[in-house]
C-alpha atoms as a PDB file:
ATOM      1  CA  UNK A   1     -32.820 -59.787  33.841  1.00  0.00           C
ATOM      2  CA  UNK A   2     -34.146 -63.123  32.719  1.00  0.00           C
ATOM      3  CA  UNK A   3     -37.682 -63.878  31.544  1.00  0.00           C
ATOM      4  CA  UNK A   4     -39.284 -65.130  34.844  1.00  0.00           C
ATOM      5  CA  UNK A   5     -38.179 -61.918  36.630  1.00  0.00           C
ATOM      6  CA  UNK A   6     -39.638 -59.747  33.880  1.00  0.00           C
ATOM      7  CA  UNK A   7     -42.926 -61.647  33.998  1.00  0.00           C
ATOM      8  CA  UNK A   8     -43.169 -61.299  37.797  1.00  0.00           C
ATOM      9  CA  UNK A   9     -42.415 -57.562  37.656  1.00  0.00           C
ATOM     10  CA  UNK A  10     -44.895 -57.045  34.817  1.00  0.00           C
ATOM     11  CA  UNK A  11     -47.670 -58.889  36.647  1.00  0.00           C
ATOM     12  CA  UNK A  12     -46.959 -56.947  39.862  1.00  0.00           C
ATOM     13  CA  UNK A  13     -46.993 -53.609  37.999  1.00  0.00           C
ATOM     14  CA  UNK A  14     -50.223 -54.497  36.205  1.00  0.00           C
ATOM     15  CA  UNK A  15     -51.899 -55.526  39.478  1.00  0.00           C
ATOM     16  CA  UNK A  16     -50.896 -52.207  41.041  1.00  0.00           C
ATOM     17  CA  UNK A  17     -52.307 -50.243  38.112  1.00  0.00           C
ATOM     18  CA  UNK A  18     -55.596 -52.123  38.235  1.00  0.00           C
ATOM     19  CA  UNK A  19     -56.106 -51.927  42.022  1.00  0.00           C
ATOM     20  CA  UNK A  20     -54.448 -48.670  43.118  1.00  0.00           C
ATOM     21  CA  UNK A  21     -56.410 -46.173  41.015  1.00  0.00           C
ATOM     22  CA  UNK A  22     -59.840 -47.540  41.980  1.00  0.00           C
ATOM     23  CA  UNK A  23     -60.487 -44.598  44.310  1.00  0.00           C
ATOM     24  CA  UNK A  24     -58.917 -42.089  41.928  1.00  0.00           C
ATOM     25  CA  UNK A  25     -61.079 -43.448  39.102  1.00  0.00           C
ATOM     26  CA  UNK A  26     -64.100 -42.349  41.116  1.00  0.00           C
ATOM     27  CA  UNK A  27     -62.732 -38.787  41.001  1.00  0.00           C
ATOM     28  CA  UNK A  28     -62.429 -38.433  44.771  1.00  0.00           C
ATOM     29  CA  UNK A  29     -59.272 -36.929  46.240  1.00  0.00           C
ATOM     30  CA  UNK A  30     -57.969 -37.735  49.693  1.00  0.00           C
ATOM     31  CA  UNK A  31     -58.316 -34.035  50.539  1.00  0.00           C
ATOM     32  CA  UNK A  32     -62.029 -34.125  49.621  1.00  0.00           C
ATOM     33  CA  UNK A  33     -62.565 -37.147  51.875  1.00  0.00           C
ATOM     34  CA  UNK A  34     -60.715 -35.448  54.742  1.00  0.00           C
ATOM     35  CA  UNK A  35     -62.848 -32.309  54.356  1.00  0.00           C
ATOM     36  CA  UNK A  36     -66.041 -34.374  54.186  1.00  0.00           C
ATOM     37  CA  UNK A  37     -65.090 -36.079  57.463  1.00  0.00           C
ATOM     38  CA  UNK A  38     -64.357 -32.740  59.152  1.00  0.00           C
ATOM     39  CA  UNK A  39     -67.704 -31.325  58.140  1.00  0.00           C
ATOM     40  CA  UNK A  40     -69.827 -34.462  58.657  1.00  0.00           C
ATOM     41  CA  UNK A  41     -72.390 -34.014  61.409  1.00  0.00           C
ATOM     42  CA  UNK A  42     -72.825 -36.604  64.135  1.00  0.00           C
ATOM     43  CA  UNK A  43     -76.491 -36.869  63.111  1.00  0.00           C
ATOM     44  CA  UNK A  44     -75.469 -37.854  59.558  1.00  0.00           C
ATOM     45  CA  UNK A  45     -74.261 -41.319  60.544  1.00  0.00           C
ATOM     46  CA  UNK A  46     -74.706 -41.887  64.275  1.00  0.00           C
ATOM     47  CA  UNK A  47     -78.285 -42.780  65.099  1.00  0.00           C
ATOM     48  CA  UNK A  48     -77.898 -42.427  68.871  1.00  0.00           C
ATOM     49  CA  UNK A  49     -80.816 -40.115  69.580  1.00  0.00           C
ATOM     50  CA  UNK A  50     -79.651 -39.735  73.177  1.00  0.00           C
ATOM     51  CA  UNK A  51     -76.378 -38.064  72.226  1.00  0.00           C
ATOM     52  CA  UNK A  52     -76.600 -34.343  72.731  1.00  0.00           C
ATOM     53  CA  UNK A  53     -75.788 -31.694  70.133  1.00  0.00           C
ATOM     54  CA  UNK A  54     -75.987 -34.145  67.239  1.00  0.00           C
ATOM     55  CA  UNK A  55     -75.788 -31.284  64.721  1.00  0.00           C
ATOM     56  CA  UNK A  56     -72.117 -30.685  65.607  1.00  0.00           C
ATOM     57  CA  UNK A  57     -69.546 -31.384  62.935  1.00  0.00           C
ATOM     58  CA  UNK A  58     -66.858 -33.933  63.597  1.00  0.00           C
ATOM     59  CA  UNK A  59     -64.342 -31.098  63.803  1.00  0.00           C
ATOM     60  CA  UNK A  60     -66.402 -29.220  66.435  1.00  0.00           C
ATOM     61  CA  UNK A  61     -67.069 -32.445  68.367  1.00  0.00           C
ATOM     62  CA  UNK A  62     -63.344 -33.297  68.519  1.00  0.00           C
ATOM     63  CA  UNK A  63     -62.483 -29.736  69.539  1.00  0.00           C
ATOM     64  CA  UNK A  64     -64.928 -29.991  72.453  1.00  0.00           C
ATOM     65  CA  UNK A  65     -63.649 -33.402  73.503  1.00  0.00           C
ATOM     66  CA  UNK A  66     -60.008 -32.460  73.245  1.00  0.00           C
ATOM     67  CA  UNK A  67     -60.036 -28.981  74.744  1.00  0.00           C
ATOM     68  CA  UNK A  68     -56.833 -28.974  76.832  1.00  0.00           C
ATOM     69  CA  UNK A  69     -55.765 -32.602  76.164  1.00  0.00           C
ATOM     70  CA  UNK A  70     -55.031 -32.408  72.430  1.00  0.00           C
ATOM     71  CA  UNK A  71     -51.913 -30.927  70.848  1.00  0.00           C
ATOM     72  CA  UNK A  72     -53.201 -31.271  67.258  1.00  0.00           C
ATOM     73  CA  UNK A  73     -55.646 -33.085  65.026  1.00  0.00           C
ATOM     74  CA  UNK A  74     -54.340 -34.381  61.702  1.00  0.00           C
ATOM     75  CA  UNK A  75     -57.149 -34.980  59.186  1.00  0.00           C
ATOM     76  CA  UNK A  76     -56.721 -37.509  56.384  1.00  0.00           C
ATOM     77  CA  UNK A  77     -58.716 -39.115  53.589  1.00  0.00           C
ATOM     78  CA  UNK A  78     -58.371 -42.297  51.603  1.00  0.00           C
ATOM     79  CA  UNK A  79     -58.830 -45.982  52.250  1.00  0.00           C
ATOM     80  CA  UNK A  80     -60.252 -46.805  55.667  1.00  0.00           C
ATOM     81  CA  UNK A  81     -57.627 -47.456  58.330  1.00  0.00           C
ATOM     82  CA  UNK A  82     -59.847 -48.477  61.238  1.00  0.00           C
ATOM     83  CA  UNK A  83     -61.001 -51.791  59.868  1.00  0.00           C
ATOM     84  CA  UNK A  84     -61.712 -55.153  61.402  1.00  0.00           C
ATOM     85  CA  UNK A  85     -61.799 -57.912  58.819  1.00  0.00           C
ATOM     86  CA  UNK A  86     -63.523 -60.313  61.233  1.00  0.00           C
ATOM     87  CA  UNK A  87     -66.779 -58.338  60.961  1.00  0.00           C
ATOM     88  CA  UNK A  88     -67.931 -57.361  57.436  1.00  0.00           C
ATOM     89  CA  UNK A  89     -69.578 -54.209  58.861  1.00  0.00           C
ATOM     90  CA  UNK A  90     -66.106 -53.036  59.890  1.00  0.00           C
ATOM     91  CA  UNK A  91     -64.365 -53.919  56.624  1.00  0.00           C
ATOM     92  CA  UNK A  92     -64.194 -50.336  55.381  1.00  0.00           C
ATOM     93  CA  UNK A  93     -63.691 -49.218  51.794  1.00  0.00           C
ATOM     94  CA  UNK A  94     -61.604 -46.835  49.721  1.00  0.00           C
ATOM     95  CA  UNK A  95     -63.711 -43.863  50.857  1.00  0.00           C
ATOM     96  CA  UNK A  96     -62.997 -42.768  54.415  1.00  0.00           C
ATOM     97  CA  UNK A  97     -62.003 -39.612  56.156  1.00  0.00           C
ATOM     98  CA  UNK A  98     -60.638 -39.425  59.636  1.00  0.00           C
ATOM     99  CA  UNK A  99     -58.381 -37.847  62.164  1.00  0.00           C
ATOM    100  CA  UNK A 100     -55.343 -38.817  64.169  1.00  0.00           C
ATOM    101  CA  UNK A 101     -55.484 -37.069  67.522  1.00  0.00           C
ATOM    102  CA  UNK A 102     -52.084 -36.046  68.892  1.00  0.00           C
ATOM    103  CA  UNK A 103     -52.252 -35.817  72.676  1.00  0.00           C
ATOM    104  CA  UNK A 104     -50.279 -33.336  74.751  1.00  0.00           C
ATOM    105  CA  UNK A 105     -49.338 -36.106  77.184  1.00  0.00           C
ATOM    106  CA  UNK A 106     -49.476 -39.461  75.397  1.00  0.00           C
ATOM    107  CA  UNK A 107     -48.780 -42.640  77.342  1.00  0.00           C
ATOM    108  CA  UNK A 108     -46.392 -43.818  74.603  1.00  0.00           C
ATOM    109  CA  UNK A 109     -45.399 -43.034  71.012  1.00  0.00           C
ATOM    110  CA  UNK A 110     -48.230 -45.328  69.863  1.00  0.00           C
ATOM    111  CA  UNK A 111     -50.856 -43.467  71.905  1.00  0.00           C
ATOM    112  CA  UNK A 112     -52.627 -41.713  69.025  1.00  0.00           C
ATOM    113  CA  UNK A 113     -56.438 -41.880  69.260  1.00  0.00           C
ATOM    114  CA  UNK A 114     -58.196 -42.024  65.887  1.00  0.00           C
ATOM    115  CA  UNK A 115     -61.676 -41.485  64.551  1.00  0.00           C
ATOM    116  CA  UNK A 116     -62.935 -42.321  61.090  1.00  0.00           C
ATOM    117  CA  UNK A 117     -66.052 -41.765  59.004  1.00  0.00           C
ATOM    118  CA  UNK A 118     -66.977 -44.355  56.366  1.00  0.00           C
ATOM    119  CA  UNK A 119     -68.589 -42.949  53.219  1.00  0.00           C
ATOM    120  CA  UNK A 120     -70.855 -44.611  50.656  1.00  0.00           C
ATOM    121  CA  UNK A 121     -69.488 -45.216  47.149  1.00  0.00           C
ATOM    122  CA  UNK A 122     -69.030 -41.832  45.388  1.00  0.00           C
ATOM    123  CA  UNK A 123     -71.767 -40.580  43.092  1.00  0.00           C
ATOM    124  CA  UNK A 124     -71.016 -38.427  40.047  1.00  0.00           C
ATOM    125  CA  UNK A 125     -67.466 -37.762  41.230  1.00  0.00           C
ATOM    126  CA  UNK A 126     -68.558 -36.440  44.627  1.00  0.00           C
ATOM    127  CA  UNK A 127     -68.131 -37.743  48.143  1.00  0.00           C
ATOM    128  CA  UNK A 128     -71.313 -39.606  49.044  1.00  0.00           C
ATOM    129  CA  UNK A 129     -73.161 -39.794  52.347  1.00  0.00           C
ATOM    130  CA  UNK A 130     -71.379 -40.883  55.518  1.00  0.00           C
ATOM    131  CA  UNK A 131     -72.734 -44.106  56.932  1.00  0.00           C
ATOM    132  CA  UNK A 132     -70.553 -45.197  59.850  1.00  0.00           C
ATOM    133  CA  UNK A 133     -68.210 -44.043  62.587  1.00  0.00           C
ATOM    134  CA  UNK A 134     -65.209 -45.941  63.882  1.00  0.00           C
ATOM    135  CA  UNK A 135     -62.824 -44.932  66.645  1.00  0.00           C
ATOM    136  CA  UNK A 136     -59.739 -46.233  68.367  1.00  0.00           C
ATOM    137  CA  UNK A 137     -58.605 -45.077  71.781  1.00  0.00           C
ATOM    138  CA  UNK A 138     -56.385 -46.333  74.556  1.00  0.00           C
ATOM    139  CA  UNK A 139     -58.478 -46.491  77.748  1.00  0.00           C
ATOM    140  CA  UNK A 140     -57.641 -47.639  81.288  1.00  0.00           C
ATOM    141  CA  UNK A 141     -58.925 -51.087  80.239  1.00  0.00           C
ATOM    142  CA  UNK A 142     -56.766 -51.256  77.090  1.00  0.00           C
ATOM    143  CA  UNK A 143     -57.275 -50.485  73.407  1.00  0.00           C
ATOM    144  CA  UNK A 144     -60.913 -49.733  72.601  1.00  0.00           C
ATOM    145  CA  UNK A 145     -62.293 -50.043  69.029  1.00  0.00           C
ATOM    146  CA  UNK A 146     -65.637 -48.215  68.894  1.00  0.00           C
ATOM    147  CA  UNK A 147     -68.437 -48.126  66.357  1.00  0.00           C
ATOM    148  CA  UNK A 148     -70.372 -45.114  67.665  1.00  0.00           C
ATOM    149  CA  UNK A 149     -69.292 -41.603  68.600  1.00  0.00           C
ATOM    150  CA  UNK A 150     -71.069 -41.880  71.961  1.00  0.00           C
ATOM    151  CA  UNK A 151     -68.966 -44.968  72.783  1.00  0.00           C
ATOM    152  CA  UNK A 152     -65.807 -43.081  71.817  1.00  0.00           C
ATOM    153  CA  UNK A 153     -66.922 -40.279  74.167  1.00  0.00           C
ATOM    154  CA  UNK A 154     -67.416 -42.825  76.956  1.00  0.00           C
ATOM    155  CA  UNK A 155     -63.884 -44.166  76.442  1.00  0.00           C
ATOM    156  CA  UNK A 156     -62.491 -40.628  76.274  1.00  0.00           C
ATOM    157  CA  UNK A 157     -64.238 -39.735  79.532  1.00  0.00           C
ATOM    158  CA  UNK A 158     -62.855 -42.855  81.232  1.00  0.00           C
ATOM    159  CA  UNK A 159     -59.368 -41.816  80.149  1.00  0.00           C
ATOM    160  CA  UNK A 160     -59.788 -38.080  80.755  1.00  0.00           C
ATOM    161  CA  UNK A 161     -62.412 -37.613  83.506  1.00  0.00           C
ATOM    162  CA  UNK A 162     -64.372 -34.382  83.282  1.00  0.00           C
ATOM    163  CA  UNK A 163     -63.676 -33.821  79.580  1.00  0.00           C
ATOM    164  CA  UNK A 164     -67.109 -34.667  78.179  1.00  0.00           C
ATOM    165  CA  UNK A 165     -69.736 -32.022  78.802  1.00  0.00           C
ATOM    166  CA  UNK A 166     -73.164 -33.301  79.798  1.00  0.00           C
ATOM    167  CA  UNK A 167     -76.503 -32.481  78.198  1.00  0.00           C
ATOM    168  CA  UNK A 168     -78.287 -31.414  81.353  1.00  0.00           C
ATOM    169  CA  UNK A 169     -78.864 -27.857  80.110  1.00  0.00           C
ATOM    170  CA  UNK A 170     -80.621 -28.991  76.926  1.00  0.00           C
END
């Protein structure tokens, strides 16, 4: 290998070492972020006072939504996946937890709804407070990127009529 190749490889390796461990340096594992997303309550980050049963965890909320439509829910943690670089509020960070929702009858191989919870920068090696929700769902009108759980519910209901329970009894 000649000198320019070695320099390029060295610079690339150094850049990876500086950027890649940023999340790990905070002491937060992907598993901890996934668990924090599962146990986050809708009321923790979604300020829609009209949404019923806001004390539900994300895991309970998805179970209710999915009932007979979902084959499995795969939880993950790590860098945010549902990002939109056009809007700084949707830029994400290294601290997200979310779920890929595997449908029993998807429209295509790419039909995998997702939800994600954005977390504040870790404090003292612990997952910090959740501050935002993002969702992605294929609806009758096309792909829908949502910023609130109630909007994700609306899209889910348009795709799967009768799947969202109302709040009339409360």
